[in-house]
């Protein structure tokens, strides 16, 4: 099996984010040969077209991390039936300057957790629309709407329910399948 590095963006900068715990859970259950690595958004300034001629280093690093990853998970909470502003800001950085979108043709999966019964379904719908606009290769199935119950994810990312752990592994495996299907074919040496 080919080794893959999958970046993940947590759409919350809260120190107690349950979506950060979900991201850590993905790291813990990743199959052998798959490494998950956070692509942080906390230090990105508010995007403005004024930066298009001279991106700050933190934004350059953010874009490069997306581009260098074989695929990306976007782990989103739901704020007021949509994605958090801090996540939208990060995604705006990824798409600029015009013509240099970091998500272009990038295999991408969306997942999120909340205490509510429909989890982050509304936020994920909005997020998928944004990512599709950026020409990301957004994975359709399985959908990752995780209802977070007390103790489901420990602080270090340990998943206490084996059914949930199995489901998370299946989501990672589906993204790996998408990555492998969309990877450029190697041309044999002449």
N, C-alpha and C. Protein backbone atom coordinates (compact mmCIF):
# COMPACT_ATOMS: atom_id res chain seq x y z
N UNK A 1 0.84 -1.19 0.00
CA UNK A 1 0.00 0.00 0.00
C UNK A 1 0.88 1.24 0.00
N UNK A 2 0.45 2.23 -0.74
CA UNK A 2 1.14 3.52 -0.75
C UNK A 2 0.88 4.23 0.58
N UNK A 3 1.89 4.94 1.08
CA UNK A 3 1.70 5.75 2.28
C UNK A 3 1.09 7.09 1.88
N UNK A 4 0.15 7.56 2.69
CA UNK A 4 -0.52 8.83 2.41
C UNK A 4 -0.44 9.74 3.62
N UNK A 5 -0.30 11.03 3.34
CA UNK A 5 -0.40 12.06 4.37
C UNK A 5 -1.67 12.84 4.10
N UNK A 6 -2.55 12.83 5.09
CA UNK A 6 -3.82 13.54 4.98
C UNK A 6 -3.79 14.69 5.97
N UNK A 7 -3.96 15.89 5.45
CA UNK A 7 -4.04 17.06 6.32
C UNK A 7 -5.44 17.17 6.87
N UNK A 8 -5.55 17.82 8.02
CA UNK A 8 -6.90 18.11 8.52
C UNK A 8 -6.95 19.52 9.06
N UNK A 9 -8.07 20.16 8.78
CA UNK A 9 -8.35 21.52 9.23
C UNK A 9 -9.51 21.42 10.22
N UNK A 10 -9.28 21.89 11.44
CA UNK A 10 -10.35 21.93 12.44
C UNK A 10 -10.96 23.32 12.37
N UNK A 11 -12.25 23.39 12.13
CA UNK A 11 -12.94 24.66 11.93
C UNK A 11 -13.28 25.40 13.20
N UNK A 12 -12.61 25.08 14.28
CA UNK A 12 -12.81 25.76 15.56
C UNK A 12 -11.45 26.04 16.16
N UNK A 13 -11.32 27.20 16.79
CA UNK A 13 -10.07 27.50 17.49
C UNK A 13 -10.24 27.41 19.00
N UNK A 14 -11.37 26.87 19.44
CA UNK A 14 -11.64 26.70 20.86
C UNK A 14 -10.70 25.64 21.45
N UNK A 15 -10.17 25.92 22.63
CA UNK A 15 -9.29 24.96 23.29
C UNK A 15 -10.06 23.72 23.76
N UNK A 16 -11.37 23.82 23.85
CA UNK A 16 -12.18 22.68 24.31
C UNK A 16 -13.05 22.11 23.18
N UNK A 17 -12.67 22.34 21.96
CA UNK A 17 -13.46 21.92 20.80
C UNK A 17 -13.64 20.41 20.74
N UNK A 18 -14.91 19.97 20.63
CA UNK A 18 -15.17 18.55 20.44
C UNK A 18 -14.79 18.13 19.02
N UNK A 19 -14.73 19.09 18.09
CA UNK A 19 -14.30 18.76 16.74
C UNK A 19 -12.80 18.53 16.69
N UNK A 20 -12.05 19.17 17.55
CA UNK A 20 -10.62 18.89 17.66
C UNK A 20 -10.44 17.46 18.20
N UNK A 21 -11.29 17.07 19.16
CA UNK A 21 -11.23 15.70 19.67
C UNK A 21 -11.56 14.70 18.56
N UNK A 22 -12.54 15.05 17.72
CA UNK A 22 -12.88 14.20 16.59
C UNK A 22 -11.67 14.06 15.65
N UNK A 23 -10.98 15.17 15.38
CA UNK A 23 -9.79 15.12 14.52
C UNK A 23 -8.72 14.23 15.14
N UNK A 24 -8.53 14.35 16.44
CA UNK A 24 -7.55 13.50 17.14
C UNK A 24 -7.99 12.03 17.07
N UNK A 25 -9.30 11.79 17.11
CA UNK A 25 -9.81 10.43 16.99
C UNK A 25 -9.49 9.87 15.61
N UNK A 26 -9.62 10.69 14.57
CA UNK A 26 -9.25 10.24 13.23
C UNK A 26 -7.78 9.84 13.19
N UNK A 27 -6.93 10.65 13.84
CA UNK A 27 -5.50 10.31 13.91
C UNK A 27 -5.30 8.95 14.56
N UNK A 28 -6.00 8.72 15.67
CA UNK A 28 -5.81 7.48 16.44
C UNK A 28 -6.27 6.24 15.69
N UNK A 29 -7.33 6.36 14.90
CA UNK A 29 -7.87 5.17 14.22
C UNK A 29 -7.35 5.00 12.80
N UNK A 30 -6.47 5.90 12.35
CA UNK A 30 -5.96 5.82 10.99
C UNK A 30 -5.25 4.49 10.76
N UNK A 31 -5.51 3.86 9.62
CA UNK A 31 -4.84 2.60 9.33
C UNK A 31 -3.35 2.80 9.08
N UNK A 32 -2.61 1.72 9.17
CA UNK A 32 -1.17 1.77 8.91
C UNK A 32 -0.93 2.33 7.51
N UNK A 33 0.05 3.20 7.40
CA UNK A 33 0.38 3.81 6.12
C UNK A 33 -0.31 5.14 5.88
N UNK A 34 -1.20 5.52 6.80
CA UNK A 34 -1.91 6.80 6.67
C UNK A 34 -1.56 7.67 7.87
N UNK A 35 -1.01 8.84 7.59
CA UNK A 35 -0.65 9.80 8.63
C UNK A 35 -1.56 11.00 8.50
N UNK A 36 -2.17 11.40 9.61
CA UNK A 36 -2.97 12.62 9.62
C UNK A 36 -2.19 13.71 10.31
N UNK A 37 -2.25 14.91 9.75
CA UNK A 37 -1.45 16.03 10.25
C UNK A 37 -2.30 17.29 10.21
N UNK A 38 -2.33 18.01 11.33
CA UNK A 38 -3.15 19.22 11.37
C UNK A 38 -2.58 20.33 10.50
N UNK A 39 -3.49 21.03 9.85
CA UNK A 39 -3.17 22.26 9.11
C UNK A 39 -3.84 23.38 9.91
N UNK A 40 -3.08 24.06 10.77
CA UNK A 40 -3.69 25.01 11.69
C UNK A 40 -4.20 26.28 11.01
N UNK A 41 -5.25 26.85 11.62
CA UNK A 41 -5.86 28.08 11.09
C UNK A 41 -5.85 29.23 12.09
N UNK A 42 -5.50 28.93 13.33
CA UNK A 42 -5.63 29.88 14.44
C UNK A 42 -4.91 31.21 14.20
N UNK A 43 -3.76 31.19 13.56
CA UNK A 43 -2.95 32.40 13.43
C UNK A 43 -3.17 33.17 12.12
N UNK A 44 -4.10 32.70 11.29
CA UNK A 44 -4.38 33.42 10.04
C UNK A 44 -5.08 34.74 10.34
N UNK A 45 -4.60 35.86 9.78
CA UNK A 45 -5.33 37.12 9.95
C UNK A 45 -6.60 37.09 9.11
N UNK A 46 -7.46 38.08 9.29
CA UNK A 46 -8.64 38.18 8.44
C UNK A 46 -8.18 38.41 7.01
N UNK A 47 -8.75 37.63 6.08
CA UNK A 47 -8.37 37.77 4.68
C UNK A 47 -8.87 39.11 4.13
N UNK A 48 -8.05 39.72 3.29
CA UNK A 48 -8.42 40.91 2.53
C UNK A 48 -7.68 40.85 1.19
N UNK A 49 -8.33 41.28 0.10
CA UNK A 49 -7.62 41.33 -1.19
C UNK A 49 -6.37 42.20 -1.14
N UNK A 50 -6.26 43.05 -0.12
CA UNK A 50 -5.06 43.87 0.02
C UNK A 50 -3.80 43.00 0.16
N UNK A 51 -3.97 41.75 0.61
CA UNK A 51 -2.83 40.84 0.78
C UNK A 51 -2.43 40.12 -0.51
N UNK A 52 -3.27 40.19 -1.54
CA UNK A 52 -3.03 39.36 -2.71
C UNK A 52 -1.66 39.56 -3.35
N UNK A 53 -1.10 40.73 -3.25
CA UNK A 53 0.22 40.98 -3.81
C UNK A 53 1.36 40.56 -2.89
N UNK A 54 1.06 40.35 -1.61
CA UNK A 54 2.11 40.03 -0.65
C UNK A 54 1.50 39.25 0.52
N UNK A 55 1.34 37.94 0.34
CA UNK A 55 0.75 37.11 1.38
C UNK A 55 1.64 37.03 2.60
N UNK A 56 1.05 37.08 3.81
CA UNK A 56 1.86 36.86 5.01
C UNK A 56 2.36 35.41 5.03
N UNK A 57 3.47 35.17 5.69
CA UNK A 57 4.08 33.83 5.71
C UNK A 57 3.11 32.78 6.25
N UNK A 58 2.33 33.13 7.27
CA UNK A 58 1.41 32.14 7.85
C UNK A 58 0.38 31.67 6.80
N UNK A 59 -0.03 32.56 5.91
CA UNK A 59 -0.97 32.19 4.86
C UNK A 59 -0.27 31.36 3.78
N UNK A 60 0.96 31.70 3.46
CA UNK A 60 1.72 30.89 2.51
C UNK A 60 1.91 29.47 3.04
N UNK A 61 2.24 29.37 4.33
CA UNK A 61 2.43 28.06 4.95
C UNK A 61 1.13 27.25 4.95
N UNK A 62 0.02 27.93 5.21
CA UNK A 62 -1.29 27.28 5.22
C UNK A 62 -1.61 26.72 3.83
N UNK A 63 -1.44 27.54 2.80
CA UNK A 63 -1.72 27.08 1.44
C UNK A 63 -0.80 25.92 1.04
N UNK A 64 0.47 26.01 1.38
CA UNK A 64 1.42 24.96 1.03
C UNK A 64 1.08 23.64 1.73
N UNK A 65 0.64 23.72 2.98
CA UNK A 65 0.28 22.50 3.71
C UNK A 65 -0.89 21.78 3.02
N UNK A 66 -1.85 22.54 2.53
CA UNK A 66 -2.97 21.94 1.79
C UNK A 66 -2.44 21.30 0.51
N UNK A 67 -1.63 22.04 -0.22
CA UNK A 67 -1.11 21.56 -1.50
C UNK A 67 -0.23 20.33 -1.33
N UNK A 68 0.54 20.26 -0.24
CA UNK A 68 1.45 19.14 -0.02
C UNK A 68 0.75 17.87 0.45
N UNK A 69 -0.44 18.01 1.03
CA UNK A 69 -1.17 16.84 1.53
C UNK A 69 -1.74 16.04 0.37
N UNK A 70 -1.81 14.73 0.56
CA UNK A 70 -2.43 13.88 -0.46
C UNK A 70 -3.94 14.09 -0.50
N UNK A 71 -4.51 14.41 0.64
CA UNK A 71 -5.94 14.69 0.77
C UNK A 71 -6.15 15.51 2.03
N UNK A 72 -7.36 16.01 2.21
CA UNK A 72 -7.65 16.88 3.36
C UNK A 72 -9.00 16.51 3.96
N UNK A 73 -9.04 16.45 5.29
CA UNK A 73 -10.29 16.41 6.04
C UNK A 73 -10.56 17.83 6.51
N UNK A 74 -11.80 18.28 6.35
CA UNK A 74 -12.23 19.52 6.99
C UNK A 74 -13.22 19.11 8.07
N UNK A 75 -12.85 19.36 9.32
CA UNK A 75 -13.62 18.94 10.48
C UNK A 75 -14.34 20.18 11.00
N UNK A 76 -15.65 20.23 10.80
CA UNK A 76 -16.35 21.48 11.11
C UNK A 76 -17.38 21.35 12.22
N UNK A 77 -17.38 22.32 13.12
CA UNK A 77 -18.53 22.48 14.01
C UNK A 77 -19.65 23.17 13.23
N UNK A 78 -20.78 23.33 13.87
CA UNK A 78 -21.89 24.06 13.26
C UNK A 78 -22.22 25.24 14.16
N UNK A 79 -22.09 26.44 13.60
CA UNK A 79 -22.43 27.67 14.30
C UNK A 79 -23.61 28.30 13.56
N UNK A 80 -24.73 28.45 14.22
CA UNK A 80 -25.90 29.11 13.63
C UNK A 80 -26.26 28.53 12.26
N UNK A 81 -26.27 27.19 12.17
CA UNK A 81 -26.63 26.45 10.96
C UNK A 81 -25.66 26.64 9.79
N UNK A 82 -24.42 27.01 10.09
CA UNK A 82 -23.43 27.17 9.03
C UNK A 82 -22.04 26.90 9.61
N UNK A 83 -21.02 27.20 8.82
CA UNK A 83 -19.65 26.99 9.28
C UNK A 83 -19.19 28.19 10.09
N UNK A 84 -18.25 27.99 11.00
CA UNK A 84 -17.73 29.10 11.78
C UNK A 84 -17.00 30.11 10.88
N UNK A 85 -17.05 31.37 11.26
CA UNK A 85 -16.37 32.43 10.51
C UNK A 85 -14.88 32.19 10.37
N UNK A 86 -14.25 31.64 11.41
CA UNK A 86 -12.81 31.40 11.36
C UNK A 86 -12.48 30.36 10.28
N UNK A 87 -13.35 29.39 10.07
CA UNK A 87 -13.13 28.40 9.02
C UNK A 87 -13.32 29.04 7.65
N UNK A 88 -14.38 29.83 7.49
CA UNK A 88 -14.59 30.50 6.19
C UNK A 88 -13.42 31.40 5.86
N UNK A 89 -12.89 32.10 6.86
CA UNK A 89 -11.72 32.94 6.65
C UNK A 89 -10.54 32.11 6.13
N UNK A 90 -10.29 30.96 6.75
CA UNK A 90 -9.19 30.10 6.31
C UNK A 90 -9.41 29.64 4.88
N UNK A 91 -10.64 29.25 4.57
CA UNK A 91 -10.93 28.79 3.22
C UNK A 91 -10.74 29.91 2.20
N UNK A 92 -11.07 31.14 2.58
CA UNK A 92 -10.83 32.27 1.68
C UNK A 92 -9.33 32.43 1.40
N UNK A 93 -8.50 32.26 2.43
CA UNK A 93 -7.04 32.31 2.21
C UNK A 93 -6.62 31.22 1.23
N UNK A 94 -7.21 30.04 1.35
CA UNK A 94 -6.81 28.92 0.50
C UNK A 94 -7.11 29.18 -0.98
N UNK A 95 -8.08 30.04 -1.25
CA UNK A 95 -8.54 30.26 -2.63
C UNK A 95 -7.87 31.46 -3.30
N UNK A 96 -7.04 32.16 -2.59
CA UNK A 96 -6.47 33.39 -3.13
C UNK A 96 -4.97 33.28 -3.25
N UNK A 97 -4.32 34.11 -4.05
CA UNK A 97 -4.94 35.00 -5.02
C UNK A 97 -5.64 34.23 -6.14
N UNK A 98 -6.46 34.92 -6.88
CA UNK A 98 -7.27 34.30 -7.92
C UNK A 98 -6.38 33.43 -8.81
N UNK A 99 -6.87 32.23 -9.10
CA UNK A 99 -6.14 31.31 -9.96
C UNK A 99 -5.15 30.42 -9.21
N UNK A 100 -5.02 30.61 -7.90
CA UNK A 100 -4.06 29.83 -7.11
C UNK A 100 -4.75 29.12 -5.95
N UNK A 101 -5.90 28.52 -6.23
CA UNK A 101 -6.68 27.84 -5.20
C UNK A 101 -5.97 26.56 -4.75
N UNK A 102 -5.71 26.44 -3.48
CA UNK A 102 -4.99 25.29 -2.93
C UNK A 102 -5.82 24.02 -2.97
N UNK A 103 -7.14 24.13 -2.97
CA UNK A 103 -8.01 22.95 -2.98
C UNK A 103 -8.30 22.45 -4.39
N UNK A 104 -7.79 23.09 -5.42
CA UNK A 104 -8.06 22.67 -6.80
C UNK A 104 -7.64 21.21 -7.00
N UNK A 105 -8.61 20.37 -7.35
CA UNK A 105 -8.40 18.93 -7.57
C UNK A 105 -7.88 18.18 -6.34
N UNK A 106 -8.07 18.72 -5.16
CA UNK A 106 -7.59 18.07 -3.93
C UNK A 106 -8.68 17.15 -3.38
N UNK A 107 -8.42 15.84 -3.23
CA UNK A 107 -9.38 14.96 -2.58
C UNK A 107 -9.66 15.46 -1.15
N UNK A 108 -10.94 15.69 -0.86
CA UNK A 108 -11.32 16.34 0.39
C UNK A 108 -12.55 15.66 0.98
N UNK A 109 -12.51 15.46 2.29
CA UNK A 109 -13.66 14.90 3.00
C UNK A 109 -14.11 15.88 4.07
N UNK A 110 -15.40 15.88 4.33
CA UNK A 110 -16.01 16.76 5.32
C UNK A 110 -16.58 15.89 6.42
N UNK A 111 -16.36 16.30 7.66
CA UNK A 111 -16.86 15.56 8.81
C UNK A 111 -17.04 16.56 9.95
N UNK A 112 -17.90 16.24 10.91
CA UNK A 112 -18.07 17.13 12.06
C UNK A 112 -18.92 16.48 13.13
N UNK A 113 -18.84 17.07 14.31
CA UNK A 113 -19.60 16.55 15.44
C UNK A 113 -20.22 17.69 16.24
N UNK A 114 -21.37 17.39 16.81
CA UNK A 114 -22.02 18.29 17.77
C UNK A 114 -22.92 17.43 18.65
N UNK A 115 -23.47 18.02 19.70
CA UNK A 115 -24.34 17.27 20.59
C UNK A 115 -25.71 17.02 19.99
N UNK A 116 -26.09 17.79 18.99
CA UNK A 116 -27.42 17.68 18.41
C UNK A 116 -27.60 16.42 17.59
N UNK A 117 -28.85 16.02 17.42
CA UNK A 117 -29.20 14.80 16.70
C UNK A 117 -28.78 14.80 15.24
N UNK A 118 -28.80 15.96 14.58
CA UNK A 118 -28.38 16.01 13.17
C UNK A 118 -26.92 16.42 13.05
N UNK A 119 -26.25 16.48 14.20
CA UNK A 119 -24.83 16.81 14.25
C UNK A 119 -24.55 18.09 13.48
N UNK A 120 -23.70 18.05 12.48
CA UNK A 120 -23.30 19.26 11.76
C UNK A 120 -23.78 19.23 10.31
N UNK A 121 -24.95 18.66 10.08
CA UNK A 121 -25.45 18.47 8.72
C UNK A 121 -25.62 19.79 7.96
N UNK A 122 -26.17 20.81 8.58
CA UNK A 122 -26.37 22.08 7.88
C UNK A 122 -25.03 22.73 7.56
N UNK A 123 -24.12 22.73 8.51
CA UNK A 123 -22.79 23.32 8.27
C UNK A 123 -22.07 22.58 7.15
N UNK A 124 -22.17 21.25 7.16
CA UNK A 124 -21.49 20.48 6.13
C UNK A 124 -22.05 20.76 4.74
N UNK A 125 -23.34 20.99 4.65
CA UNK A 125 -23.93 21.32 3.36
C UNK A 125 -23.32 22.63 2.83
N UNK A 126 -23.21 23.63 3.69
CA UNK A 126 -22.62 24.90 3.27
C UNK A 126 -21.14 24.72 2.92
N UNK A 127 -20.44 23.96 3.75
CA UNK A 127 -19.01 23.72 3.53
C UNK A 127 -18.77 23.02 2.20
N UNK A 128 -19.58 22.04 1.88
CA UNK A 128 -19.43 21.34 0.60
C UNK A 128 -19.60 22.30 -0.57
N UNK A 129 -20.56 23.21 -0.47
CA UNK A 129 -20.77 24.19 -1.54
C UNK A 129 -19.54 25.07 -1.73
N UNK A 130 -18.93 25.50 -0.64
CA UNK A 130 -17.72 26.33 -0.73
C UNK A 130 -16.59 25.54 -1.36
N UNK A 131 -16.37 24.32 -0.87
CA UNK A 131 -15.26 23.50 -1.38
C UNK A 131 -15.46 23.15 -2.86
N UNK A 132 -16.69 22.87 -3.27
CA UNK A 132 -16.94 22.58 -4.68
C UNK A 132 -16.65 23.80 -5.54
N UNK A 133 -16.94 24.99 -5.03
CA UNK A 133 -16.60 26.21 -5.76
C UNK A 133 -15.10 26.33 -5.97
N UNK A 134 -14.32 25.83 -5.02
CA UNK A 134 -12.86 25.87 -5.11
C UNK A 134 -12.31 24.73 -5.96
N UNK A 135 -13.20 23.93 -6.54
CA UNK A 135 -12.85 22.79 -7.38
C UNK A 135 -12.18 21.66 -6.62
N UNK A 136 -12.49 21.56 -5.31
CA UNK A 136 -12.02 20.42 -4.52
C UNK A 136 -12.77 19.17 -4.99
N UNK A 137 -12.12 18.03 -4.89
CA UNK A 137 -12.77 16.75 -5.18
C UNK A 137 -13.39 16.27 -3.88
N UNK A 138 -14.63 16.69 -3.63
CA UNK A 138 -15.28 16.45 -2.35
C UNK A 138 -15.91 15.06 -2.33
N UNK A 139 -15.51 14.28 -1.33
CA UNK A 139 -16.02 12.93 -1.17
C UNK A 139 -17.51 12.99 -0.81
N UNK A 140 -18.32 12.19 -1.50
CA UNK A 140 -19.75 12.19 -1.23
C UNK A 140 -20.17 11.24 -0.12
N UNK A 141 -19.58 10.05 -0.10
CA UNK A 141 -19.99 9.03 0.87
C UNK A 141 -18.76 8.37 1.47
N UNK A 142 -18.78 7.96 2.69
CA UNK A 142 -19.87 8.13 3.65
C UNK A 142 -19.89 9.55 4.20
N UNK A 143 -21.06 9.98 4.59
CA UNK A 143 -21.20 11.30 5.20
C UNK A 143 -20.87 11.18 6.69
N UNK A 144 -20.17 12.18 7.21
CA UNK A 144 -19.68 12.11 8.59
C UNK A 144 -20.39 13.03 9.55
N UNK A 145 -21.64 12.70 9.87
CA UNK A 145 -22.41 13.47 10.84
C UNK A 145 -22.37 12.71 12.17
N UNK A 146 -21.51 13.15 13.08
CA UNK A 146 -21.28 12.42 14.32
C UNK A 146 -21.96 13.15 15.48
N UNK A 147 -22.90 12.47 16.14
CA UNK A 147 -23.50 13.04 17.35
C UNK A 147 -22.55 12.74 18.51
N UNK A 148 -22.06 13.79 19.11
CA UNK A 148 -21.12 13.65 20.22
C UNK A 148 -21.90 13.48 21.52
N UNK A 149 -21.71 12.33 22.13
CA UNK A 149 -22.32 12.07 23.43
C UNK A 149 -21.22 12.17 24.49
N UNK A 150 -21.59 12.43 25.74
CA UNK A 150 -20.56 12.56 26.78
C UNK A 150 -19.63 11.35 26.82
N UNK A 151 -18.33 11.62 26.74
CA UNK A 151 -17.33 10.57 26.82
C UNK A 151 -17.05 9.82 25.54
N UNK A 152 -17.71 10.16 24.42
CA UNK A 152 -17.47 9.45 23.16
C UNK A 152 -16.02 9.59 22.71
N UNK A 153 -15.49 10.81 22.81
CA UNK A 153 -14.09 11.07 22.47
C UNK A 153 -13.38 11.57 23.71
N UNK A 154 -12.33 10.87 24.09
CA UNK A 154 -11.54 11.37 25.21
C UNK A 154 -10.67 12.52 24.72
N UNK A 155 -10.09 13.25 25.65
CA UNK A 155 -9.30 14.43 25.29
C UNK A 155 -8.17 14.11 24.31
N UNK A 156 -7.56 12.93 24.44
CA UNK A 156 -6.46 12.56 23.56
C UNK A 156 -6.94 11.98 22.23
N UNK A 157 -8.26 11.90 22.03
CA UNK A 157 -8.81 11.38 20.79
C UNK A 157 -9.24 9.93 20.84
N UNK A 158 -9.03 9.26 21.96
CA UNK A 158 -9.48 7.88 22.08
C UNK A 158 -11.00 7.82 21.90
N UNK A 159 -11.44 6.90 21.06
CA UNK A 159 -12.87 6.70 20.81
C UNK A 159 -13.34 5.58 21.73
N UNK A 160 -14.36 5.85 22.53
CA UNK A 160 -14.80 4.87 23.52
C UNK A 160 -15.86 3.92 22.99
N UNK A 161 -16.37 4.16 21.79
CA UNK A 161 -17.39 3.30 21.19
C UNK A 161 -16.79 2.64 19.96
N UNK A 162 -16.69 1.31 19.96
CA UNK A 162 -16.04 0.61 18.85
C UNK A 162 -16.78 0.81 17.53
N UNK A 163 -18.10 0.92 17.56
CA UNK A 163 -18.86 1.17 16.33
C UNK A 163 -18.48 2.51 15.71
N UNK A 164 -18.30 3.52 16.55
CA UNK A 164 -17.88 4.84 16.05
C UNK A 164 -16.46 4.77 15.51
N UNK A 165 -15.57 4.07 16.22
CA UNK A 165 -14.19 3.92 15.75
C UNK A 165 -14.16 3.24 14.38
N UNK A 166 -14.95 2.19 14.21
CA UNK A 166 -15.03 1.49 12.91
C UNK A 166 -15.54 2.42 11.82
N UNK A 167 -16.58 3.21 12.15
CA UNK A 167 -17.10 4.15 11.17
C UNK A 167 -16.03 5.16 10.76
N UNK A 168 -15.30 5.71 11.72
CA UNK A 168 -14.25 6.68 11.41
C UNK A 168 -13.17 6.05 10.53
N UNK A 169 -12.80 4.80 10.80
CA UNK A 169 -11.84 4.11 9.93
C UNK A 169 -12.39 4.00 8.51
N UNK A 170 -13.69 3.73 8.39
CA UNK A 170 -14.29 3.60 7.06
C UNK A 170 -14.27 4.93 6.31
N UNK A 171 -14.42 6.03 7.03
CA UNK A 171 -14.36 7.34 6.39
C UNK A 171 -12.94 7.61 5.88
N UNK A 172 -11.95 7.29 6.70
CA UNK A 172 -10.55 7.47 6.27
C UNK A 172 -10.26 6.59 5.06
N UNK A 173 -10.69 5.34 5.11
CA UNK A 173 -10.46 4.43 3.99
C UNK A 173 -11.13 4.91 2.71
N UNK A 174 -12.31 5.52 2.83
CA UNK A 174 -12.99 6.06 1.66
C UNK A 174 -12.21 7.23 1.07
N UNK A 175 -11.65 8.08 1.94
CA UNK A 175 -10.84 9.19 1.43
C UNK A 175 -9.56 8.65 0.77
N UNK A 176 -8.94 7.64 1.36
CA UNK A 176 -7.75 7.04 0.76
C UNK A 176 -8.09 6.47 -0.61
N UNK A 177 -9.25 5.84 -0.74
CA UNK A 177 -9.68 5.32 -2.05
C UNK A 177 -9.83 6.45 -3.06
N UNK A 178 -10.44 7.56 -2.64
CA UNK A 178 -10.57 8.71 -3.54
C UNK A 178 -9.19 9.24 -3.93
N UNK A 179 -8.29 9.34 -2.96
CA UNK A 179 -6.94 9.82 -3.26
C UNK A 179 -6.27 8.91 -4.29
N UNK A 180 -6.36 7.61 -4.07
CA UNK A 180 -5.69 6.67 -4.98
C UNK A 180 -6.29 6.70 -6.38
N UNK A 181 -7.60 6.95 -6.47
CA UNK A 181 -8.25 7.01 -7.78
C UNK A 181 -7.89 8.28 -8.54
N UNK A 182 -7.54 9.33 -7.83
CA UNK A 182 -7.31 10.62 -8.47
C UNK A 182 -5.84 10.97 -8.57
N UNK A 183 -4.97 10.13 -8.02
CA UNK A 183 -3.53 10.40 -8.07
C UNK A 183 -3.06 10.30 -9.51
N UNK A 184 -2.15 11.19 -9.90
CA UNK A 184 -1.62 11.09 -11.27
C UNK A 184 -0.93 9.75 -11.48
N UNK A 185 -1.14 9.19 -12.64
CA UNK A 185 -0.50 7.90 -12.96
C UNK A 185 1.00 8.13 -13.15
N UNK A 186 1.78 7.18 -12.64
CA UNK A 186 3.23 7.27 -12.82
C UNK A 186 3.57 6.81 -14.23
N UNK A 187 4.40 7.58 -14.86
CA UNK A 187 4.83 7.23 -16.21
C UNK A 187 6.10 6.39 -16.09
N UNK A 188 6.10 5.19 -16.70
CA UNK A 188 7.29 4.35 -16.61
C UNK A 188 8.50 5.02 -17.26
N UNK A 189 9.66 4.77 -16.69
CA UNK A 189 10.89 5.34 -17.25
C UNK A 189 11.16 4.69 -18.61
N UNK A 190 11.69 5.49 -19.50
CA UNK A 190 11.97 4.99 -20.86
C UNK A 190 13.21 4.16 -20.90
